[in-house]
N, C-alpha and C. Protein backbone atom coordinates (compact mmCIF):
# COMPACT_ATOMS: atom_id res chain seq x y z
N MET A 1 8.34 62.26 12.49
CA MET A 1 9.04 62.52 11.23
C MET A 1 10.09 61.43 11.02
N ALA A 2 10.30 61.06 9.78
CA ALA A 2 11.25 59.98 9.44
C ALA A 2 12.68 60.42 9.67
N ASN A 3 13.49 59.45 10.06
CA ASN A 3 14.91 59.71 10.24
C ASN A 3 15.62 59.59 8.91
N LEU A 4 16.69 60.33 8.75
CA LEU A 4 17.53 60.26 7.56
C LEU A 4 18.95 59.92 7.99
N ASN A 5 19.71 59.35 7.05
CA ASN A 5 21.13 59.09 7.25
C ASN A 5 21.91 59.90 6.24
N MET A 6 23.05 60.40 6.66
CA MET A 6 23.91 61.16 5.75
C MET A 6 25.36 60.84 6.07
N ASN A 7 26.15 60.66 5.02
CA ASN A 7 27.59 60.48 5.16
C ASN A 7 28.27 61.82 4.99
N PHE A 8 29.19 62.12 5.87
CA PHE A 8 30.02 63.31 5.77
C PHE A 8 31.44 62.84 5.49
N ASP A 9 31.97 63.22 4.33
CA ASP A 9 33.33 62.85 3.95
C ASP A 9 34.30 63.81 4.62
N VAL A 10 35.27 63.24 5.32
CA VAL A 10 36.29 64.04 6.01
C VAL A 10 37.53 64.07 5.14
N VAL A 11 38.14 65.25 5.01
CA VAL A 11 39.26 65.46 4.10
C VAL A 11 40.49 64.64 4.50
N ASP A 12 40.89 64.71 5.75
CA ASP A 12 42.08 64.01 6.22
C ASP A 12 41.69 62.79 7.04
N PRO A 13 42.62 61.85 7.23
CA PRO A 13 42.31 60.67 8.04
C PRO A 13 41.80 61.05 9.44
N ILE A 14 40.86 60.28 9.94
CA ILE A 14 40.30 60.51 11.27
C ILE A 14 41.06 59.62 12.25
N SER A 15 41.69 60.24 13.23
CA SER A 15 42.38 59.46 14.26
C SER A 15 41.33 58.90 15.23
N PRO A 16 41.68 57.84 15.94
CA PRO A 16 40.73 57.31 16.94
C PRO A 16 40.31 58.36 17.97
N GLU A 17 41.22 59.22 18.38
CA GLU A 17 40.90 60.25 19.35
C GLU A 17 39.90 61.25 18.79
N LYS A 18 40.13 61.70 17.56
CA LYS A 18 39.19 62.63 16.93
C LYS A 18 37.86 61.94 16.68
N GLY A 19 37.89 60.68 16.32
CA GLY A 19 36.66 59.93 16.10
C GLY A 19 35.80 59.92 17.35
N GLU A 20 36.41 59.69 18.50
CA GLU A 20 35.66 59.68 19.76
C GLU A 20 35.13 61.06 20.11
N ARG A 21 35.92 62.09 19.83
CA ARG A 21 35.46 63.47 20.09
C ARG A 21 34.29 63.82 19.18
N ILE A 22 34.38 63.41 17.91
CA ILE A 22 33.28 63.66 16.97
C ILE A 22 32.03 62.95 17.45
N ARG A 23 32.16 61.66 17.79
CA ARG A 23 31.01 60.88 18.25
C ARG A 23 30.36 61.54 19.48
N HIS A 24 31.18 61.92 20.43
CA HIS A 24 30.66 62.53 21.66
C HIS A 24 29.94 63.84 21.35
N ALA A 25 30.55 64.70 20.53
CA ALA A 25 29.94 65.99 20.20
C ALA A 25 28.59 65.80 19.52
N LEU A 26 28.52 64.86 18.58
CA LEU A 26 27.27 64.65 17.86
C LEU A 26 26.20 64.01 18.73
N GLU A 27 26.58 63.06 19.55
CA GLU A 27 25.60 62.37 20.38
C GLU A 27 24.97 63.29 21.43
N GLN A 28 25.60 64.42 21.71
CA GLN A 28 25.05 65.39 22.66
C GLN A 28 23.99 66.29 22.03
N MET A 29 23.87 66.25 20.70
CA MET A 29 22.97 67.15 19.99
C MET A 29 21.58 66.55 19.85
N GLU A 30 20.57 67.38 20.08
CA GLU A 30 19.20 66.94 19.92
C GLU A 30 18.92 66.69 18.44
N GLY A 31 18.28 65.57 18.15
CA GLY A 31 17.96 65.22 16.77
C GLY A 31 18.92 64.21 16.16
N ILE A 32 20.03 63.92 16.84
CA ILE A 32 20.97 62.92 16.36
C ILE A 32 20.56 61.57 16.94
N ASN A 33 20.38 60.59 16.05
CA ASN A 33 19.92 59.27 16.48
C ASN A 33 21.02 58.22 16.47
N GLN A 34 22.01 58.42 15.62
CA GLN A 34 23.06 57.42 15.49
C GLN A 34 24.29 58.06 14.86
N VAL A 35 25.47 57.61 15.31
CA VAL A 35 26.74 58.10 14.75
C VAL A 35 27.63 56.90 14.52
N GLN A 36 28.16 56.78 13.30
CA GLN A 36 29.13 55.74 12.98
C GLN A 36 30.33 56.41 12.32
N ILE A 37 31.51 56.06 12.80
CA ILE A 37 32.75 56.59 12.23
C ILE A 37 33.38 55.48 11.40
N ASP A 38 33.64 55.76 10.12
CA ASP A 38 34.33 54.81 9.24
C ASP A 38 35.75 55.32 9.06
N PHE A 39 36.66 54.78 9.86
CA PHE A 39 38.05 55.23 9.83
C PHE A 39 38.73 54.87 8.52
N HIS A 40 38.31 53.78 7.91
CA HIS A 40 38.90 53.32 6.66
C HIS A 40 38.57 54.24 5.49
N GLU A 41 37.33 54.70 5.46
CA GLU A 41 36.86 55.55 4.36
C GLU A 41 36.85 57.04 4.71
N ASN A 42 37.23 57.38 5.94
CA ASN A 42 37.21 58.78 6.41
C ASN A 42 35.83 59.40 6.26
N LYS A 43 34.83 58.69 6.79
CA LYS A 43 33.45 59.16 6.73
C LYS A 43 32.83 59.12 8.12
N VAL A 44 31.90 60.04 8.32
CA VAL A 44 31.07 60.05 9.51
C VAL A 44 29.64 59.87 9.02
N ASN A 45 29.01 58.77 9.40
CA ASN A 45 27.62 58.52 9.03
C ASN A 45 26.75 58.92 10.21
N VAL A 46 25.80 59.79 9.93
CA VAL A 46 24.95 60.33 10.98
C VAL A 46 23.49 60.06 10.66
N GLY A 47 22.78 59.48 11.60
CA GLY A 47 21.33 59.35 11.51
C GLY A 47 20.73 60.49 12.29
N TYR A 48 19.81 61.23 11.67
CA TYR A 48 19.24 62.41 12.32
C TYR A 48 17.78 62.59 11.94
N THR A 49 17.11 63.43 12.70
CA THR A 49 15.72 63.75 12.45
C THR A 49 15.63 65.16 11.87
N PRO A 50 15.28 65.27 10.56
CA PRO A 50 15.13 66.60 9.97
C PRO A 50 14.07 67.40 10.73
N GLY A 51 14.27 68.67 10.81
CA GLY A 51 13.35 69.52 11.56
C GLY A 51 13.81 69.73 12.99
N MET A 52 14.61 68.79 13.49
CA MET A 52 15.18 68.94 14.83
C MET A 52 16.61 69.46 14.75
N ILE A 53 17.27 69.18 13.63
CA ILE A 53 18.67 69.58 13.45
C ILE A 53 18.92 69.74 11.96
N THR A 54 19.83 70.63 11.60
CA THR A 54 20.15 70.85 10.19
C THR A 54 21.46 70.16 9.81
N VAL A 55 21.59 69.89 8.53
CA VAL A 55 22.83 69.31 8.02
C VAL A 55 24.00 70.24 8.31
N GLN A 56 23.79 71.54 8.18
CA GLN A 56 24.85 72.51 8.45
C GLN A 56 25.31 72.43 9.90
N SER A 57 24.38 72.26 10.83
CA SER A 57 24.74 72.15 12.25
C SER A 57 25.57 70.90 12.51
N ILE A 58 25.21 69.80 11.84
CA ILE A 58 25.97 68.56 11.99
C ILE A 58 27.38 68.76 11.46
N LYS A 59 27.48 69.35 10.28
CA LYS A 59 28.79 69.60 9.66
C LYS A 59 29.65 70.48 10.57
N GLU A 60 29.07 71.52 11.12
CA GLU A 60 29.82 72.42 12.00
C GLU A 60 30.28 71.71 13.26
N ALA A 61 29.45 70.81 13.80
CA ALA A 61 29.83 70.06 14.99
C ALA A 61 31.01 69.14 14.70
N ILE A 62 31.00 68.51 13.53
CA ILE A 62 32.12 67.65 13.13
C ILE A 62 33.39 68.49 12.98
N GLU A 63 33.27 69.60 12.28
CA GLU A 63 34.45 70.45 12.04
C GLU A 63 34.97 71.09 13.32
N SER A 64 34.12 71.27 14.31
CA SER A 64 34.57 71.87 15.57
C SER A 64 35.52 70.94 16.32
N GLN A 65 35.62 69.69 15.87
CA GLN A 65 36.52 68.72 16.50
C GLN A 65 37.86 68.62 15.79
N GLY A 66 38.13 69.57 14.89
CA GLY A 66 39.45 69.66 14.27
C GLY A 66 39.63 68.91 12.97
N VAL A 67 38.53 68.60 12.29
CA VAL A 67 38.61 67.97 10.98
C VAL A 67 37.81 68.81 9.98
N ASP A 68 38.17 68.69 8.71
CA ASP A 68 37.45 69.40 7.65
C ASP A 68 36.53 68.44 6.92
N VAL A 69 35.28 68.85 6.72
CA VAL A 69 34.31 68.06 5.98
C VAL A 69 34.33 68.53 4.55
N SER A 70 34.41 67.59 3.62
CA SER A 70 34.41 67.91 2.20
C SER A 70 33.06 68.50 1.81
N ASP A 71 33.07 69.47 0.92
CA ASP A 71 31.83 70.06 0.44
C ASP A 71 31.27 69.34 -0.77
N ARG A 72 31.96 68.29 -1.22
CA ARG A 72 31.45 67.54 -2.37
C ARG A 72 30.09 66.94 -2.04
N GLY A 73 29.16 67.16 -2.93
CA GLY A 73 27.85 66.55 -2.77
C GLY A 73 26.91 67.32 -1.86
N ASP A 74 27.38 68.38 -1.21
CA ASP A 74 26.45 69.16 -0.39
C ASP A 74 25.48 69.89 -1.29
N SER A 75 24.24 69.97 -0.84
CA SER A 75 23.26 70.71 -1.63
C SER A 75 22.57 71.75 -0.78
């Protein structure tokens, strides 16, 4: 199955410590292929395999690290 990329907009600035915790949490999940943290734009870009993981699971994993993901653009 093809991989997809999705940007998750974070409401507040991402500190380097939270960025590393987010990266670690996501990289431990099955179906996650790549994680990039954009500290300047407050975004988490995630490459994932649909069918192995859901967008909601990714969002919850990010939020479990103490940041809020914006719901703008979620479908």
